[in-house]
C-alpha atoms as a PDB file:
ATOM      1  CA  MET A   1      18.040  -9.735  -1.002  1.00  0.00           C
ATOM      2  CA  LYS A   2      20.394  -8.501   1.833  1.00  0.00           C
ATOM      3  CA  LEU A   3      20.930  -5.003   1.835  1.00  0.00           C
ATOM      4  CA  LYS A   4      24.518  -3.900   0.757  1.00  0.00           C
ATOM      5  CA  TYR A   5      26.664  -3.424   3.933  1.00  0.00           C
ATOM      6  CA  ALA A   6      28.172   0.010   2.971  1.00  0.00           C
ATOM      7  CA  ALA A   7      24.725   1.539   2.197  1.00  0.00           C
ATOM      8  CA  LEU A   8      23.648   0.074   5.533  1.00  0.00           C
ATOM      9  CA  ILE A   9      26.528   1.521   7.628  1.00  0.00           C
ATOM     10  CA  ALA A  10      25.887   4.855   5.870  1.00  0.00           C
ATOM     11  CA  GLY A  11      22.168   5.017   6.572  1.00  0.00           C
ATOM     12  CA  VAL A  12      22.661   3.940  10.173  1.00  0.00           C
ATOM     13  CA  ALA A  13      25.520   6.642  10.667  1.00  0.00           C
ATOM     14  CA  LEU A  14      23.045   9.134   9.092  1.00  0.00           C
ATOM     15  CA  GLY A  15      20.340   8.337  11.530  1.00  0.00           C
ATOM     16  CA  LEU A  16      22.656   8.265  14.535  1.00  0.00           C
ATOM     17  CA  SER A  17      24.248  11.606  13.593  1.00  0.00           C
ATOM     18  CA  GLY A  18      20.910  13.247  13.408  1.00  0.00           C
ATOM     19  CA  ILE A  19      19.976  12.172  17.025  1.00  0.00           C
ATOM     20  CA  ALA A  20      23.268  13.570  18.226  1.00  0.00           C
ATOM     21  CA  ASN A  21      22.799  17.084  16.730  1.00  0.00           C
ATOM     22  CA  ALA A  22      19.314  18.314  17.787  1.00  0.00           C
ATOM     23  CA  ALA A  23      19.597  21.253  15.350  1.00  0.00           C
ATOM     24  CA  ASP A  24      19.781  18.611  12.409  1.00  0.00           C
ATOM     25  CA  PHE A  25      17.520  15.710  12.447  1.00  0.00           C
ATOM     26  CA  VAL A  26      17.259  13.999   8.931  1.00  0.00           C
ATOM     27  CA  ILE A  27      14.624  11.831   8.084  1.00  0.00           C
ATOM     28  CA  LYS A  28      15.081   9.552   4.905  1.00  0.00           C
ATOM     29  CA  PHE A  29      11.641   8.805   3.457  1.00  0.00           C
ATOM     30  CA  SER A  30      11.814   5.965   1.108  1.00  0.00           C
ATOM     31  CA  HIS A  31       8.751   4.532  -1.018  1.00  0.00           C
ATOM     32  CA  VAL A  32       8.293   2.508  -4.095  1.00  0.00           C
ATOM     33  CA  VAL A  33       5.777   4.443  -6.255  1.00  0.00           C
ATOM     34  CA  ALA A  34       6.291   7.416  -8.615  1.00  0.00           C
ATOM     35  CA  GLN A  35       6.461  10.947  -7.136  1.00  0.00           C
ATOM     36  CA  ASP A  36       3.003  12.066  -8.941  1.00  0.00           C
ATOM     37  CA  THR A  37       1.013   9.214  -7.211  1.00  0.00           C
ATOM     38  CA  PRO A  38      -1.187  10.092  -4.027  1.00  0.00           C
ATOM     39  CA  LYS A  39       1.422   8.458  -1.929  1.00  0.00           C
ATOM     40  CA  GLY A  40       4.323  10.317  -3.652  1.00  0.00           C
ATOM     41  CA  LYS A  41       2.398  13.668  -3.200  1.00  0.00           C
ATOM     42  CA  ALA A  42       1.487  13.136   0.378  1.00  0.00           C
ATOM     43  CA  ALA A  43       4.974  12.208   1.128  1.00  0.00           C
ATOM     44  CA  GLU A  44       6.246  15.610  -0.180  1.00  0.00           C
ATOM     45  CA  TYR A  45       3.348  17.483   1.736  1.00  0.00           C
ATOM     46  CA  PHE A  46       4.611  15.763   4.814  1.00  0.00           C
ATOM     47  CA  LYS A  47       8.069  16.985   3.973  1.00  0.00           C
ATOM     48  CA  LYS A  48       6.964  20.462   3.246  1.00  0.00           C
ATOM     49  CA  LEU A  49       5.083  20.625   6.788  1.00  0.00           C
ATOM     50  CA  ALA A  50       7.597  18.982   8.792  1.00  0.00           C
ATOM     51  CA  GLU A  51      10.464  21.216   7.614  1.00  0.00           C
ATOM     52  CA  GLU A  52       8.207  24.333   7.866  1.00  0.00           C
ATOM     53  CA  ARG A  53       6.662  23.569  11.332  1.00  0.00           C
ATOM     54  CA  THR A  54      10.151  22.606  13.034  1.00  0.00           C
ATOM     55  CA  LYS A  55      11.668  25.654  11.176  1.00  0.00           C
ATOM     56  CA  GLY A  56      14.378  23.619   9.494  1.00  0.00           C
ATOM     57  CA  ARG A  57      15.273  21.434  12.677  1.00  0.00           C
ATOM     58  CA  VAL A  58      13.990  18.556  10.662  1.00  0.00           C
ATOM     59  CA  GLN A  59      15.029  17.775   6.968  1.00  0.00           C
ATOM     60  CA  VAL A  60      12.929  15.150   5.239  1.00  0.00           C
ATOM     61  CA  GLN A  61      14.612  13.428   2.302  1.00  0.00           C
ATOM     62  CA  VAL A  62      12.012  11.644  -0.032  1.00  0.00           C
ATOM     63  CA  TYR A  63      13.207   8.822  -2.285  1.00  0.00           C
ATOM     64  CA  PRO A  64      10.271   7.751  -4.544  1.00  0.00           C
ATOM     65  CA  ASN A  65      10.221   4.869  -7.143  1.00  0.00           C
ATOM     66  CA  SER A  66      12.341   2.493  -5.407  1.00  0.00           C
ATOM     67  CA  GLN A  67      15.463   4.812  -5.706  1.00  0.00           C
ATOM     68  CA  LEU A  68      16.828   3.332  -2.473  1.00  0.00           C
ATOM     69  CA  TYR A  69      15.047   0.078  -1.689  1.00  0.00           C
ATOM     70  CA  LYS A  70      12.603  -2.406  -3.435  1.00  0.00           C
ATOM     71  CA  ASP A  71       9.545  -3.888  -1.719  1.00  0.00           C
ATOM     72  CA  LYS A  72      11.173  -6.760  -0.113  1.00  0.00           C
ATOM     73  CA  GLU A  73      14.303  -4.493   1.181  1.00  0.00           C
ATOM     74  CA  GLU A  74      12.641  -1.634   2.563  1.00  0.00           C
ATOM     75  CA  LEU A  75      11.084  -3.002   5.785  1.00  0.00           C
ATOM     76  CA  GLU A  76      14.629  -4.513   6.576  1.00  0.00           C
ATOM     77  CA  ALA A  77      16.387  -1.152   5.822  1.00  0.00           C
ATOM     78  CA  LEU A  78      13.946   0.665   8.263  1.00  0.00           C
ATOM     79  CA  GLN A  79      14.419  -1.833  11.129  1.00  0.00           C
ATOM     80  CA  LEU A  80      18.015  -1.618  10.765  1.00  0.00           C
ATOM     81  CA  GLY A  81      18.082   2.319  10.590  1.00  0.00           C
ATOM     82  CA  ALA A  82      19.306   2.541   7.032  1.00  0.00           C
ATOM     83  CA  VAL A  83      16.185   4.790   6.475  1.00  0.00           C
ATOM     84  CA  GLN A  84      13.957   6.474   9.220  1.00  0.00           C
ATOM     85  CA  MET A  85      10.446   6.486   7.451  1.00  0.00           C
ATOM     86  CA  LEU A  86       8.565   4.224   4.856  1.00  0.00           C
ATOM     87  CA  ALA A  87       4.974   3.930   3.831  1.00  0.00           C
ATOM     88  CA  PRO A  88       4.652   0.251   2.490  1.00  0.00           C
ATOM     89  CA  SER A  89       1.518  -1.146   1.410  1.00  0.00           C
ATOM     90  CA  LEU A  90      -0.341  -2.895   4.116  1.00  0.00           C
ATOM     91  CA  ALA A  91       0.099  -6.409   2.496  1.00  0.00           C
ATOM     92  CA  LYS A  92       4.006  -6.015   3.308  1.00  0.00           C
ATOM     93  CA  PHE A  93       3.420  -6.596   7.291  1.00  0.00           C
ATOM     94  CA  GLY A  94       2.141 -10.209   6.893  1.00  0.00           C
ATOM     95  CA  PRO A  95       5.678 -11.513   5.959  1.00  0.00           C
ATOM     96  CA  LEU A  96       7.002  -9.329   9.015  1.00  0.00           C
ATOM     97  CA  GLY A  97       4.935 -11.445  11.210  1.00  0.00           C
ATOM     98  CA  ALA A  98       1.991  -9.041  11.738  1.00  0.00           C
ATOM     99  CA  LYS A  99      -0.574 -11.243   9.678  1.00  0.00           C
ATOM    100  CA  GLU A 100      -3.562  -9.248  10.981  1.00  0.00           C
ATOM    101  CA  PHE A 101      -2.759  -6.451   8.306  1.00  0.00           C
ATOM    102  CA  GLU A 102      -3.618  -8.735   5.498  1.00  0.00           C
ATOM    103  CA  VAL A 103      -7.409  -8.180   6.715  1.00  0.00           C
ATOM    104  CA  PHE A 104      -7.020  -5.253   4.270  1.00  0.00           C
ATOM    105  CA  ASP A 105      -6.386  -7.610   1.373  1.00  0.00           C
ATOM    106  CA  LEU A 106      -9.649  -9.342   1.747  1.00  0.00           C
ATOM    107  CA  PRO A 107     -11.649  -8.884  -1.550  1.00  0.00           C
ATOM    108  CA  TYR A 108     -14.854  -7.032  -1.081  1.00  0.00           C
ATOM    109  CA  ILE A 109     -14.582  -6.434   2.629  1.00  0.00           C
ATOM    110  CA  PHE A 110     -15.080  -2.512   2.227  1.00  0.00           C
ATOM    111  CA  ASP A 111     -17.664  -1.414  -0.404  1.00  0.00           C
ATOM    112  CA  ASN A 112     -16.717   2.447  -0.152  1.00  0.00           C
ATOM    113  CA  TYR A 113     -14.260   4.814   1.610  1.00  0.00           C
ATOM    114  CA  ASP A 114     -16.599   5.596   4.505  1.00  0.00           C
ATOM    115  CA  GLU A 115     -16.472   1.812   5.483  1.00  0.00           C
ATOM    116  CA  LEU A 116     -12.872   1.906   5.170  1.00  0.00           C
ATOM    117  CA  HIS A 117     -12.249   4.790   7.212  1.00  0.00           C
ATOM    118  CA  LYS A 118     -14.486   3.660  10.275  1.00  0.00           C
ATOM    119  CA  VAL A 119     -11.481   0.985  10.587  1.00  0.00           C
ATOM    120  CA  THR A 120      -8.389   2.782   9.420  1.00  0.00           C
ATOM    121  CA  GLN A 121      -9.367   6.099  11.373  1.00  0.00           C
ATOM    122  CA  GLY A 122     -10.659   4.189  14.545  1.00  0.00           C
ATOM    123  CA  PRO A 123      -9.579   2.306  17.216  1.00  0.00           C
ATOM    124  CA  ILE A 124      -9.213  -0.980  15.100  1.00  0.00           C
ATOM    125  CA  GLY A 125      -6.518   0.894  13.102  1.00  0.00           C
ATOM    126  CA  GLN A 126      -4.887   2.193  16.063  1.00  0.00           C
ATOM    127  CA  GLN A 127      -4.687  -1.460  17.621  1.00  0.00           C
ATOM    128  CA  LEU A 128      -3.203  -2.778  14.262  1.00  0.00           C
ATOM    129  CA  LEU A 129      -0.459  -0.054  14.130  1.00  0.00           C
ATOM    130  CA  SER A 130       0.392  -0.777  17.875  1.00  0.00           C
ATOM    131  CA  LYS A 131       1.272  -4.389  16.868  1.00  0.00           C
ATOM    132  CA  LEU A 132       4.471  -3.022  14.939  1.00  0.00           C
ATOM    133  CA  GLU A 133       6.209  -1.876  18.090  1.00  0.00           C
ATOM    134  CA  SER A 134       7.532  -5.209  18.974  1.00  0.00           C
ATOM    135  CA  LYS A 135       9.169  -5.229  15.583  1.00  0.00           C
ATOM    136  CA  GLY A 136      10.915  -1.946  16.205  1.00  0.00           C
ATOM    137  CA  ILE A 137       8.523   0.149  14.340  1.00  0.00           C
ATOM    138  CA  LYS A 138       6.351   2.803  15.095  1.00  0.00           C
ATOM    139  CA  GLY A 139       3.118   3.025  13.347  1.00  0.00           C
ATOM    140  CA  LEU A 140       2.117   6.894  12.369  1.00  0.00           C
ATOM    141  CA  ALA A 141      -0.829   6.876  10.145  1.00  0.00           C
ATOM    142  CA  PHE A 142      -2.827   5.020   7.331  1.00  0.00           C
ATOM    143  CA  TRP A 143      -2.787   6.479   3.902  1.00  0.00           C
ATOM    144  CA  ASP A 144      -5.279   5.561   1.284  1.00  0.00           C
ATOM    145  CA  ASN A 145      -4.345   4.796  -2.387  1.00  0.00           C
ATOM    146  CA  GLY A 146      -7.637   3.418  -3.599  1.00  0.00           C
ATOM    147  CA  PHE A 147      -9.761   0.260  -4.608  1.00  0.00           C
ATOM    148  CA  LYS A 148      -8.186  -2.075  -7.221  1.00  0.00           C
ATOM    149  CA  ILE A 149      -8.967  -3.060 -10.791  1.00  0.00           C
ATOM    150  CA  PHE A 150      -7.974  -6.168 -12.701  1.00  0.00           C
ATOM    151  CA  SER A 151      -6.017  -5.811 -16.027  1.00  0.00           C
ATOM    152  CA  ALA A 152      -4.852  -8.425 -18.359  1.00  0.00           C
ATOM    153  CA  ASN A 153      -4.355  -8.730 -22.353  1.00  0.00           C
ATOM    154  CA  LYS A 154      -7.757 -10.484 -22.525  1.00  0.00           C
ATOM    155  CA  PRO A 155     -11.299  -9.263 -21.463  1.00  0.00           C
ATOM    156  CA  LEU A 156     -11.933 -10.022 -17.914  1.00  0.00           C
ATOM    157  CA  LYS A 157     -15.881 -10.062 -17.569  1.00  0.00           C
ATOM    158  CA  SER A 158     -16.203 -12.982 -15.147  1.00  0.00           C
ATOM    159  CA  PRO A 159     -14.250 -15.497 -12.740  1.00  0.00           C
ATOM    160  CA  ALA A 160     -13.937 -17.846 -15.604  1.00  0.00           C
ATOM    161  CA  ASP A 161     -11.883 -15.467 -17.736  1.00  0.00           C
ATOM    162  CA  PHE A 162      -9.184 -15.471 -15.020  1.00  0.00           C
ATOM    163  CA  LYS A 163      -8.645 -19.277 -15.465  1.00  0.00           C
ATOM    164  CA  GLY A 164      -4.907 -20.125 -15.967  1.00  0.00           C
ATOM    165  CA  LEU A 165      -3.815 -16.541 -16.178  1.00  0.00           C
ATOM    166  CA  LYS A 166      -0.607 -15.644 -14.495  1.00  0.00           C
ATOM    167  CA  MET A 167      -1.404 -12.901 -11.999  1.00  0.00           C
ATOM    168  CA  ARG A 168       0.971 -10.487 -10.482  1.00  0.00           C
ATOM    169  CA  ILE A 169       0.555  -9.725  -6.765  1.00  0.00           C
ATOM    170  CA  GLN A 170       2.253  -8.286  -3.676  1.00  0.00           C
ATOM    171  CA  SER A 171       3.575 -10.980  -1.103  1.00  0.00           C
ATOM    172  CA  SER A 172       0.205 -11.752   0.586  1.00  0.00           C
ATOM    173  CA  LYS A 173      -1.143 -15.216   1.690  1.00  0.00           C
ATOM    174  CA  VAL A 174      -4.640 -13.644   1.203  1.00  0.00           C
ATOM    175  CA  LEU A 175      -3.938 -12.315  -2.411  1.00  0.00           C
ATOM    176  CA  GLU A 176      -2.738 -15.697  -3.468  1.00  0.00           C
ATOM    177  CA  GLU A 177      -5.906 -17.173  -2.228  1.00  0.00           C
ATOM    178  CA  GLU A 178      -7.716 -14.308  -3.992  1.00  0.00           C
ATOM    179  CA  MET A 179      -6.285 -15.257  -7.352  1.00  0.00           C
ATOM    180  CA  ARG A 180      -6.725 -19.050  -6.723  1.00  0.00           C
ATOM    181  CA  ALA A 181     -10.404 -18.453  -5.952  1.00  0.00           C
ATOM    182  CA  LEU A 182     -10.630 -17.086  -9.496  1.00  0.00           C
ATOM    183  CA  GLY A 183      -8.631 -19.859 -11.076  1.00  0.00           C
ATOM    184  CA  ALA A 184      -5.646 -17.867 -11.709  1.00  0.00           C
ATOM    185  CA  MET A 185      -2.166 -18.461 -10.875  1.00  0.00           C
ATOM    186  CA  PRO A 186      -0.622 -15.850  -8.399  1.00  0.00           C
ATOM    187  CA  GLN A 187       2.940 -14.619  -9.078  1.00  0.00           C
ATOM    188  CA  VAL A 188       4.526 -12.621  -6.310  1.00  0.00           C
ATOM    189  CA  MET A 189       6.593  -9.923  -7.754  1.00  0.00           C
ATOM    190  CA  ALA A 190       8.356  -6.601  -6.638  1.00  0.00           C
ATOM    191  CA  PHE A 191       6.158  -3.595  -7.706  1.00  0.00           C
ATOM    192  CA  SER A 192       9.422  -1.956  -9.773  1.00  0.00           C
ATOM    193  CA  GLU A 193       9.397  -5.150 -11.938  1.00  0.00           C
ATOM    194  CA  THR A 194       5.884  -5.466 -12.866  1.00  0.00           C
ATOM    195  CA  TYR A 195       5.811  -3.268 -16.015  1.00  0.00           C
ATOM    196  CA  GLN A 196       8.684  -5.355 -17.572  1.00  0.00           C
ATOM    197  CA  ALA A 197       7.013  -8.701 -16.535  1.00  0.00           C
ATOM    198  CA  LEU A 198       4.007  -7.633 -18.221  1.00  0.00           C
ATOM    199  CA  GLN A 199       5.742  -6.379 -21.034  1.00  0.00           C
ATOM    200  CA  THR A 200       7.620  -9.555 -21.895  1.00  0.00           C
ATOM    201  CA  GLY A 201       4.741 -11.812 -20.924  1.00  0.00           C
ATOM    202  CA  VAL A 202       6.401 -13.415 -17.763  1.00  0.00           C
ATOM    203  CA  VAL A 203       2.804 -12.497 -16.100  1.00  0.00           C
ATOM    204  CA  ASP A 204      -0.570 -11.948 -17.903  1.00  0.00           C
ATOM    205  CA  GLY A 205      -2.134  -9.356 -15.728  1.00  0.00           C
ATOM    206  CA  THR A 206      -2.389  -7.741 -12.309  1.00  0.00           C
ATOM    207  CA  GLU A 207      -4.483  -5.629 -10.063  1.00  0.00           C
ATOM    208  CA  ASN A 208      -3.825  -2.216  -9.153  1.00  0.00           C
ATOM    209  CA  PRO A 209      -5.467   1.300  -8.448  1.00  0.00           C
ATOM    210  CA  PRO A 210      -5.556   3.332 -11.523  1.00  0.00           C
ATOM    211  CA  SER A 211      -3.088   5.525 -10.177  1.00  0.00           C
ATOM    212  CA  ASN A 212      -0.529   2.896  -9.989  1.00  0.00           C
ATOM    213  CA  MET A 213      -1.357   1.336 -13.340  1.00  0.00           C
ATOM    214  CA  LEU A 214      -0.877   4.897 -15.209  1.00  0.00           C
ATOM    215  CA  THR A 215       1.904   6.318 -13.464  1.00  0.00           C
ATOM    216  CA  GLN A 216       4.005   3.006 -13.975  1.00  0.00           C
ATOM    217  CA  LYS A 217       2.794   2.759 -17.650  1.00  0.00           C
ATOM    218  CA  MET A 218       1.261  -0.556 -17.017  1.00  0.00           C
ATOM    219  CA  HIS A 219      -1.687   0.501 -19.263  1.00  0.00           C
ATOM    220  CA  GLU A 220       0.797   0.329 -22.115  1.00  0.00           C
ATOM    221  CA  VAL A 221       1.352  -3.234 -21.713  1.00  0.00           C
ATOM    222  CA  GLN A 222      -2.328  -4.435 -20.721  1.00  0.00           C
ATOM    223  CA  LYS A 223      -5.106  -4.612 -23.218  1.00  0.00           C
ATOM    224  CA  TYR A 224      -8.005  -4.571 -21.056  1.00  0.00           C
ATOM    225  CA  ALA A 225      -8.958  -3.556 -17.331  1.00  0.00           C
ATOM    226  CA  THR A 226     -12.173  -4.279 -15.463  1.00  0.00           C
ATOM    227  CA  VAL A 227     -13.280  -1.760 -12.782  1.00  0.00           C
ATOM    228  CA  THR A 228     -14.106  -4.304 -10.350  1.00  0.00           C
ATOM    229  CA  ASN A 229     -12.871  -2.284  -7.306  1.00  0.00           C
ATOM    230  CA  HIS A 230     -12.848  -5.647  -5.345  1.00  0.00           C
ATOM    231  CA  GLY A 231      -9.783  -4.821  -2.905  1.00  0.00           C
ATOM    232  CA  TYR A 232      -8.468  -1.951  -1.228  1.00  0.00           C
ATOM    233  CA  LEU A 233      -4.685  -0.954  -1.643  1.00  0.00           C
ATOM    234  CA  GLY A 234      -3.384   1.470   1.188  1.00  0.00           C
ATOM    235  CA  TYR A 235      -0.204   2.100   3.205  1.00  0.00           C
ATOM    236  CA  ALA A 236       0.991   2.618   6.715  1.00  0.00           C
ATOM    237  CA  VAL A 237       3.222   5.528   7.434  1.00  0.00           C
ATOM    238  CA  ILE A 238       5.945   4.018   9.620  1.00  0.00           C
ATOM    239  CA  VAL A 239       9.140   5.092  11.201  1.00  0.00           C
ATOM    240  CA  ASN A 240      11.985   3.183  12.984  1.00  0.00           C
ATOM    241  CA  LYS A 241      10.914   3.286  16.553  1.00  0.00           C
ATOM    242  CA  LYS A 242      14.266   3.857  18.027  1.00  0.00           C
ATOM    243  CA  PHE A 243      14.797   6.777  15.957  1.00  0.00           C
ATOM    244  CA  TRP A 244      11.316   8.284  16.640  1.00  0.00           C
ATOM    245  CA  ASP A 245      11.709   7.691  20.608  1.00  0.00           C
ATOM    246  CA  GLY A 246      15.182   9.358  20.393  1.00  0.00           C
ATOM    247  CA  LEU A 247      13.711  12.621  19.028  1.00  0.00           C
ATOM    248  CA  PRO A 248      12.832  15.496  21.433  1.00  0.00           C
ATOM    249  CA  ALA A 249       9.391  15.545  22.599  1.00  0.00           C
ATOM    250  CA  ASP A 250       8.566  18.836  21.119  1.00  0.00           C
ATOM    251  CA  ILE A 251       9.830  17.579  17.577  1.00  0.00           C
ATOM    252  CA  ARG A 252       7.704  14.318  18.021  1.00  0.00           C
ATOM    253  CA  THR A 253       4.741  16.639  18.834  1.00  0.00           C
ATOM    254  CA  THR A 254       5.227  18.708  15.770  1.00  0.00           C
ATOM    255  CA  LEU A 255       5.732  15.820  13.516  1.00  0.00           C
ATOM    256  CA  ASP A 256       2.666  13.985  14.761  1.00  0.00           C
ATOM    257  CA  GLY A 257       0.645  17.242  13.841  1.00  0.00           C
ATOM    258  CA  ALA A 258       2.417  17.507  10.405  1.00  0.00           C
ATOM    259  CA  MET A 259       1.611  13.668   9.858  1.00  0.00           C
ATOM    260  CA  LYS A 260      -2.140  14.028  10.975  1.00  0.00           C
ATOM    261  CA  ASP A 261      -2.479  17.020   8.391  1.00  0.00           C
ATOM    262  CA  ALA A 262      -0.618  15.215   5.794  1.00  0.00           C
ATOM    263  CA  THR A 263      -3.000  12.173   6.032  1.00  0.00           C
ATOM    264  CA  VAL A 264      -5.999  14.352   5.608  1.00  0.00           C
ATOM    265  CA  TYR A 265      -4.538  15.550   2.544  1.00  0.00           C
ATOM    266  CA  ALA A 266      -3.492  12.118   1.375  1.00  0.00           C
ATOM    267  CA  ASN A 267      -6.766  10.611   1.776  1.00  0.00           C
ATOM    268  CA  LYS A 268      -8.635  13.558   0.175  1.00  0.00           C
ATOM    269  CA  ILE A 269      -6.625  13.398  -2.921  1.00  0.00           C
ATOM    270  CA  ALA A 270      -6.415   9.572  -3.272  1.00  0.00           C
ATOM    271  CA  GLN A 271      -9.869   9.120  -4.765  1.00  0.00           C
ATOM    272  CA  GLN A 272      -9.793  12.009  -6.930  1.00  0.00           C
ATOM    273  CA  GLU A 273      -6.288  11.132  -8.397  1.00  0.00           C
ATOM    274  CA  ASN A 274      -7.450   7.519  -9.302  1.00  0.00           C
ATOM    275  CA  GLU A 275     -10.642   8.767 -10.855  1.00  0.00           C
ATOM    276  CA  ASN A 276      -8.445  11.144 -13.048  1.00  0.00           C
ATOM    277  CA  ASP A 277      -6.136   8.662 -13.884  1.00  0.00           C
ATOM    278  CA  LEU A 278      -8.752   6.012 -14.864  1.00  0.00           C
ATOM    279  CA  ALA A 279     -10.135   8.629 -17.255  1.00  0.00           C
ATOM    280  CA  LYS A 280      -6.548   9.093 -18.646  1.00  0.00           C
ATOM    281  CA  ILE A 281      -6.058   5.250 -19.079  1.00  0.00           C
ATOM    282  CA  LYS A 282      -9.469   5.361 -21.175  1.00  0.00           C
ATOM    283  CA  ALA A 283      -8.442   8.503 -23.072  1.00  0.00           C
ATOM    284  CA  SER A 284      -5.104   6.888 -24.024  1.00  0.00           C
ATOM    285  CA  GLY A 285      -6.650   4.009 -26.158  1.00  0.00           C
ATOM    286  CA  LYS A 286      -4.116   1.738 -25.144  1.00  0.00           C
ATOM    287  CA  THR A 287      -6.392  -0.243 -22.659  1.00  0.00           C
ATOM    288  CA  GLN A 288     -10.181  -1.016 -23.018  1.00  0.00           C
ATOM    289  CA  VAL A 289     -11.832  -0.194 -19.698  1.00  0.00           C
ATOM    290  CA  TYR A 290     -14.785  -2.328 -18.776  1.00  0.00           C
ATOM    291  CA  TYR A 291     -17.165  -1.655 -16.013  1.00  0.00           C
ATOM    292  CA  PRO A 292     -19.073  -4.750 -14.937  1.00  0.00           C
ATOM    293  CA  THR A 293     -22.892  -5.151 -14.821  1.00  0.00           C
ATOM    294  CA  ALA A 294     -24.570  -5.682 -11.417  1.00  0.00           C
ATOM    295  CA  ALA A 295     -24.900  -9.330 -12.055  1.00  0.00           C
ATOM    296  CA  GLU A 296     -21.196  -9.418 -13.151  1.00  0.00           C
ATOM    297  CA  ARG A 297     -20.077  -8.004  -9.884  1.00  0.00           C
ATOM    298  CA  ALA A 298     -22.285 -10.234  -7.976  1.00  0.00           C
ATOM    299  CA  ALA A 299     -20.340 -13.121  -9.745  1.00  0.00           C
ATOM    300  CA  PHE A 300     -17.216 -11.749  -8.888  1.00  0.00           C
ATOM    301  CA  LYS A 301     -18.203 -11.050  -5.112  1.00  0.00           C
ATOM    302  CA  LYS A 302     -19.746 -14.658  -4.905  1.00  0.00           C
ATOM    303  CA  ALA A 303     -16.025 -16.182  -6.208  1.00  0.00           C
ATOM    304  CA  LEU A 304     -14.247 -14.097  -3.601  1.00  0.00           C
ATOM    305  CA  VAL A 305     -16.117 -13.581  -0.629  1.00  0.00           C
ATOM    306  CA  PRO A 306     -15.357 -17.208   0.662  1.00  0.00           C
ATOM    307  CA  VAL A 307     -11.767 -16.071   0.853  1.00  0.00           C
ATOM    308  CA  HIS A 308     -12.638 -14.295   4.129  1.00  0.00           C
ATOM    309  CA  THR A 309     -13.443 -17.574   5.960  1.00  0.00           C
ATOM    310  CA  LYS A 310     -10.577 -19.459   4.140  1.00  0.00           C
ATOM    311  CA  MET A 311      -8.060 -16.930   5.737  1.00  0.00           C
ATOM    312  CA  ASP A 312      -9.766 -16.704   9.176  1.00  0.00           C
ATOM    313  CA  ASP A 313      -6.931 -19.033  10.883  1.00  0.00           C
ATOM    314  CA  ARG A 314      -4.298 -16.802   9.390  1.00  0.00           C
ATOM    315  CA  ILE A 315      -5.706 -13.373  10.038  1.00  0.00           C
ATOM    316  CA  GLY A 316      -8.085 -14.227  13.028  1.00  0.00           C
ATOM    317  CA  GLU A 317     -11.834 -14.534  12.890  1.00  0.00           C
ATOM    318  CA  GLY A 318     -12.299 -12.190  15.651  1.00  0.00           C
ATOM    319  CA  LEU A 319     -10.660  -9.342  13.660  1.00  0.00           C
ATOM    320  CA  VAL A 320     -12.716  -9.964  10.752  1.00  0.00           C
ATOM    321  CA  GLN A 321     -15.982 -10.075  12.584  1.00  0.00           C
ATOM    322  CA  LEU A 322     -15.047  -6.916  14.386  1.00  0.00           C
ATOM    323  CA  ILE A 323     -14.651  -5.248  10.887  1.00  0.00           C
ATOM    324  CA  TYR A 324     -17.900  -6.391   9.815  1.00  0.00           C
ATOM    325  CA  LYS A 325     -19.657  -5.130  12.967  1.00  0.00           C
ATOM    326  CA  GLN A 326     -17.617  -1.560  12.467  1.00  0.00           C
ATOM    327  CA  THR A 327     -18.524  -1.523   9.041  1.00  0.00           C
ATOM    328  CA  GLY A 328     -21.899  -2.922   9.114  1.00  0.00           C
ATOM    329  CA  TYR A 329     -20.677  -5.246   6.475  1.00  0.00           C
ATOM    330  CA  THR A 330     -22.820  -8.562   5.658  1.00  0.00           C
ATOM    331  CA  PRO A 331     -20.803 -11.032   3.348  1.00  0.00           C
ATOM    332  CA  ASN A 332     -23.803 -12.415   1.516  1.00  0.00           C
END
């Protein structure tokens, strides 16, 4: 979907006026999830730090819950200057031409946050962010959401249970292959449209960290959830490069510091928020939450790990092997 012309011109004008007036830089920070998710809270925390530390020279306007743009629109909006900052999920960069980011979609490539952070907080993560600059985008940080669980209106205790199910996914060739490996039919759909699609039966199920499932009320229209923790959902905080480069050096330095502290905060709360929200889903009584046995988890892993090699040509075998080495991962 193309952006509305009037909205785009207004956004560009706002960004340019910010650069022209060093006393009043405005950063429109748009995202697609609820304000009370880990990402939503981290965006508000960054706003607080940025405005305090620049003594009001920078104003951060946060627009949650797809108020401005949906999934497929927001990256175009950033590149054209209609917004200055986003925190899209990492799967969004594949369609933009940065297919390497889809490595984060590989099922069971990270077993825990420690392994994950060796990549996102280390040199591999920085190398990946640098690949966005040719797209007119400056990558600032990685923010966690969490590890994903499967949900549907039937129990999902083994790969065989997925056969024929229409499963909503983000736009990612890796996630398409993941669902096909389970015998499911992948359905690419905007995050903001998922609840209604689940409610009306357009799709049968989906995958999400518990925080997204709860805050979007998907648990009200999904009878079963299985805590597979099979994949990671995270975000890259990005900014329009032209806007960023046009800021005074001292402002950039201050905002960099605010982003580093907001990232520590974001990643600290993400795990706790997901644990709390999973407990709330269970307490609601609307979704039956199932924890796979060790044998069942091994069966899921056996079905899904072959996706790694199938995606080598797309993501790059060298990058996958580099992550294996960094994390100590063995695909057996």
